[in-house]
Amino acid sequence: MISVDLECENKHRFEGEFKNSSSYKNQLENGMIACPVCGSMESRRLYTGCSFQAGPTAGTSIDRKYSSIFEALRSFNNFVRKNFENVGDGFTEKARAMHYDIEEKKYIRKRIKQ
């Protein structure tokens, strides 16, 4: 399911839910989307700050490598735990010292809560 923000020719804003992006395009092209306020069949899609592509895109390896986003996050968390030094509450000072070349640059992290 995808949710799409729409606006009719009379500036009424409304939301539509569709099975997928091709279903939305098909309904739009066939004049099947009507404004619930005025009944206008002329509408356009609004792209808001939280709009995103719901369908798969080329080049995303996360879909192939991990079975879920949670598995990907667990893997990322494990990578950070193994490869980054835990500097605890001194993270800010350590990062600043590395930025100003007072200390050698390395991967650091603050304690990760479980």
C-alpha atoms as a PDB file:
ATOM      1  CA  MET A   1       0.000   0.000   0.000  1.00  0.00           C
ATOM      2  CA  ILE A   2       1.140   3.506  -0.769  1.00  0.00           C
ATOM      3  CA  SER A   3      -0.376   6.733   0.471  1.00  0.00           C
ATOM      4  CA  VAL A   4      -0.410   9.710  -1.889  1.00  0.00           C
ATOM      5  CA  ASP A   5      -1.229  13.335  -1.087  1.00  0.00           C
ATOM      6  CA  LEU A   6      -3.371  14.883  -3.817  1.00  0.00           C
ATOM      7  CA  GLU A   7      -4.823  18.280  -4.646  1.00  0.00           C
ATOM      8  CA  CYS A   8      -7.744  18.933  -6.992  1.00  0.00           C
ATOM      9  CA  GLU A   9      -8.050  21.860  -9.408  1.00  0.00           C
ATOM     10  CA  ASN A  10     -10.053  23.727  -6.730  1.00  0.00           C
ATOM     11  CA  LYS A  11      -7.151  23.456  -4.255  1.00  0.00           C
ATOM     12  CA  HIS A  12      -8.825  20.841  -2.021  1.00  0.00           C
ATOM     13  CA  ARG A  13      -6.211  18.547  -0.518  1.00  0.00           C
ATOM     14  CA  PHE A  14      -6.924  14.892   0.121  1.00  0.00           C
ATOM     15  CA  GLU A  15      -5.147  11.570   0.504  1.00  0.00           C
ATOM     16  CA  GLY A  16      -5.419   8.451  -1.601  1.00  0.00           C
ATOM     17  CA  GLU A  17      -4.275   4.938  -0.805  1.00  0.00           C
ATOM     18  CA  PHE A  18      -3.292   2.613  -3.616  1.00  0.00           C
ATOM     19  CA  LYS A  19      -1.996  -0.933  -3.926  1.00  0.00           C
ATOM     20  CA  ASN A  20       1.218   0.317  -5.576  1.00  0.00           C
ATOM     21  CA  SER A  21       2.519   3.139  -7.772  1.00  0.00           C
ATOM     22  CA  SER A  22       1.316   1.513 -10.999  1.00  0.00           C
ATOM     23  CA  SER A  23      -2.190   1.206  -9.533  1.00  0.00           C
ATOM     24  CA  TYR A  24      -2.107   4.934  -8.714  1.00  0.00           C
ATOM     25  CA  LYS A  25      -0.924   5.811 -12.247  1.00  0.00           C
ATOM     26  CA  ASN A  26      -3.573   3.561 -13.823  1.00  0.00           C
ATOM     27  CA  GLN A  27      -6.407   5.112 -11.785  1.00  0.00           C
ATOM     28  CA  LEU A  28      -5.153   8.639 -12.513  1.00  0.00           C
ATOM     29  CA  GLU A  29      -4.884   8.003 -16.274  1.00  0.00           C
ATOM     30  CA  ASN A  30      -8.374   6.457 -16.401  1.00  0.00           C
ATOM     31  CA  GLY A  31     -10.054   9.301 -14.495  1.00  0.00           C
ATOM     32  CA  MET A  32     -10.871   7.169 -11.479  1.00  0.00           C
ATOM     33  CA  ILE A  33      -9.650   9.624  -8.820  1.00  0.00           C
ATOM     34  CA  ALA A  34     -12.197  12.198  -7.667  1.00  0.00           C
ATOM     35  CA  CYS A  35     -11.937  14.929  -5.023  1.00  0.00           C
ATOM     36  CA  PRO A  36     -14.037  13.905  -2.002  1.00  0.00           C
ATOM     37  CA  VAL A  37     -14.990  17.573  -1.383  1.00  0.00           C
ATOM     38  CA  CYS A  38     -16.113  18.836  -4.809  1.00  0.00           C
ATOM     39  CA  GLY A  39     -16.018  15.720  -7.007  1.00  0.00           C
ATOM     40  CA  SER A  40     -13.462  17.184  -9.428  1.00  0.00           C
ATOM     41  CA  MET A  41     -11.743  14.561 -11.558  1.00  0.00           C
ATOM     42  CA  GLU A  42      -8.699  16.806 -12.147  1.00  0.00           C
ATOM     43  CA  SER A  43      -6.057  16.259  -9.472  1.00  0.00           C
ATOM     44  CA  ARG A  44      -2.313  16.297  -9.108  1.00  0.00           C
ATOM     45  CA  ARG A  45       0.066  14.563  -6.767  1.00  0.00           C
ATOM     46  CA  LEU A  46       1.688  16.650  -4.026  1.00  0.00           C
ATOM     47  CA  TYR A  47       5.239  15.777  -3.070  1.00  0.00           C
ATOM     48  CA  THR A  48       5.586  16.489   0.618  1.00  0.00           C
ATOM     49  CA  GLY A  49       8.713  16.374   2.746  1.00  0.00           C
ATOM     50  CA  CYS A  50       7.936  12.828   3.829  1.00  0.00           C
ATOM     51  CA  SER A  51       7.233  11.392   0.372  1.00  0.00           C
ATOM     52  CA  PHE A  52       9.379   8.441  -0.667  1.00  0.00           C
ATOM     53  CA  GLN A  53       9.579   5.841  -3.399  1.00  0.00           C
ATOM     54  CA  ALA A  54       7.700   2.790  -2.158  1.00  0.00           C
ATOM     55  CA  GLY A  55       8.737   0.439  -4.944  1.00  0.00           C
ATOM     56  CA  PRO A  56      12.097  -1.272  -5.349  1.00  0.00           C
ATOM     57  CA  THR A  57      14.845   0.739  -6.986  1.00  0.00           C
ATOM     58  CA  ALA A  58      17.866  -0.396  -8.926  1.00  0.00           C
ATOM     59  CA  GLY A  59      21.089  -0.619  -6.993  1.00  0.00           C
ATOM     60  CA  THR A  60      19.705  -1.318  -3.517  1.00  0.00           C
ATOM     61  CA  SER A  61      21.635  -4.250  -2.137  1.00  0.00           C
ATOM     62  CA  ILE A  62      19.938  -4.248   1.286  1.00  0.00           C
ATOM     63  CA  ASP A  63      16.914  -6.058  -0.187  1.00  0.00           C
ATOM     64  CA  ARG A  64      19.089  -8.866  -1.476  1.00  0.00           C
ATOM     65  CA  LYS A  65      21.513  -9.227   1.398  1.00  0.00           C
ATOM     66  CA  TYR A  66      19.129  -9.069   4.373  1.00  0.00           C
ATOM     67  CA  SER A  67      15.659 -10.514   4.810  1.00  0.00           C
ATOM     68  CA  SER A  68      14.402  -7.493   6.783  1.00  0.00           C
ATOM     69  CA  ILE A  69      15.396  -3.999   7.839  1.00  0.00           C
ATOM     70  CA  PHE A  70      15.791  -5.307  11.391  1.00  0.00           C
ATOM     71  CA  GLU A  71      18.368  -7.851  10.271  1.00  0.00           C
ATOM     72  CA  ALA A  72      20.237  -5.096   8.416  1.00  0.00           C
ATOM     73  CA  LEU A  73      20.221  -2.899  11.533  1.00  0.00           C
ATOM     74  CA  ARG A  74      21.461  -5.766  13.712  1.00  0.00           C
ATOM     75  CA  SER A  75      24.289  -6.381  11.254  1.00  0.00           C
ATOM     76  CA  PHE A  76      25.195  -2.693  11.227  1.00  0.00           C
ATOM     77  CA  ASN A  77      25.123  -2.567  15.037  1.00  0.00           C
ATOM     78  CA  ASN A  78      27.422  -5.605  15.236  1.00  0.00           C
ATOM     79  CA  PHE A  79      29.814  -4.033  12.711  1.00  0.00           C
ATOM     80  CA  VAL A  80      30.047  -0.846  14.799  1.00  0.00           C
ATOM     81  CA  ARG A  81      30.606  -2.820  18.011  1.00  0.00           C
ATOM     82  CA  LYS A  82      33.465  -4.812  16.419  1.00  0.00           C
ATOM     83  CA  ASN A  83      35.193  -2.038  14.471  1.00  0.00           C
ATOM     84  CA  PHE A  84      34.745   1.149  16.518  1.00  0.00           C
ATOM     85  CA  GLU A  85      36.467   1.878  19.824  1.00  0.00           C
ATOM     86  CA  ASN A  86      34.125   2.589  22.738  1.00  0.00           C
ATOM     87  CA  VAL A  87      35.337   5.867  24.264  1.00  0.00           C
ATOM     88  CA  GLY A  88      32.337   6.256  26.578  1.00  0.00           C
ATOM     89  CA  ASP A  89      31.423   9.698  27.857  1.00  0.00           C
ATOM     90  CA  GLY A  90      34.674  11.146  26.494  1.00  0.00           C
ATOM     91  CA  PHE A  91      33.347  10.893  22.917  1.00  0.00           C
ATOM     92  CA  THR A  92      33.082  14.647  22.316  1.00  0.00           C
ATOM     93  CA  GLU A  93      36.559  15.427  23.583  1.00  0.00           C
ATOM     94  CA  LYS A  94      38.095  12.513  21.675  1.00  0.00           C
ATOM     95  CA  ALA A  95      36.327  13.497  18.422  1.00  0.00           C
ATOM     96  CA  ARG A  96      37.448  17.112  18.814  1.00  0.00           C
ATOM     97  CA  ALA A  97      41.047  16.064  19.488  1.00  0.00           C
ATOM     98  CA  MET A  98      41.053  13.909  16.354  1.00  0.00           C
ATOM     99  CA  HIS A  99      39.502  16.723  14.319  1.00  0.00           C
ATOM    100  CA  TYR A 100      42.286  19.122  15.337  1.00  0.00           C
ATOM    101  CA  ASP A 101      44.984  16.442  14.787  1.00  0.00           C
ATOM    102  CA  ILE A 102      45.873  16.305  18.473  1.00  0.00           C
ATOM    103  CA  GLU A 103      45.151  12.570  18.459  1.00  0.00           C
ATOM    104  CA  GLU A 104      45.377   9.940  15.734  1.00  0.00           C
ATOM    105  CA  LYS A 105      42.187   9.559  13.741  1.00  0.00           C
ATOM    106  CA  LYS A 106      40.311   6.289  14.295  1.00  0.00           C
ATOM    107  CA  TYR A 107      36.782   4.979  14.419  1.00  0.00           C
ATOM    108  CA  ILE A 108      35.189   5.757  17.764  1.00  0.00           C
ATOM    109  CA  ARG A 109      31.771   5.382  19.316  1.00  0.00           C
ATOM    110  CA  LYS A 110      29.953   6.168  22.485  1.00  0.00           C
ATOM    111  CA  ARG A 111      28.546   3.242  24.434  1.00  0.00           C
ATOM    112  CA  ILE A 112      25.668   1.586  22.549  1.00  0.00           C
ATOM    113  CA  LYS A 113      22.733   0.854  24.845  1.00  0.00           C
ATOM    114  CA  GLN A 114      21.192  -2.588  24.660  1.00  0.00           C
END
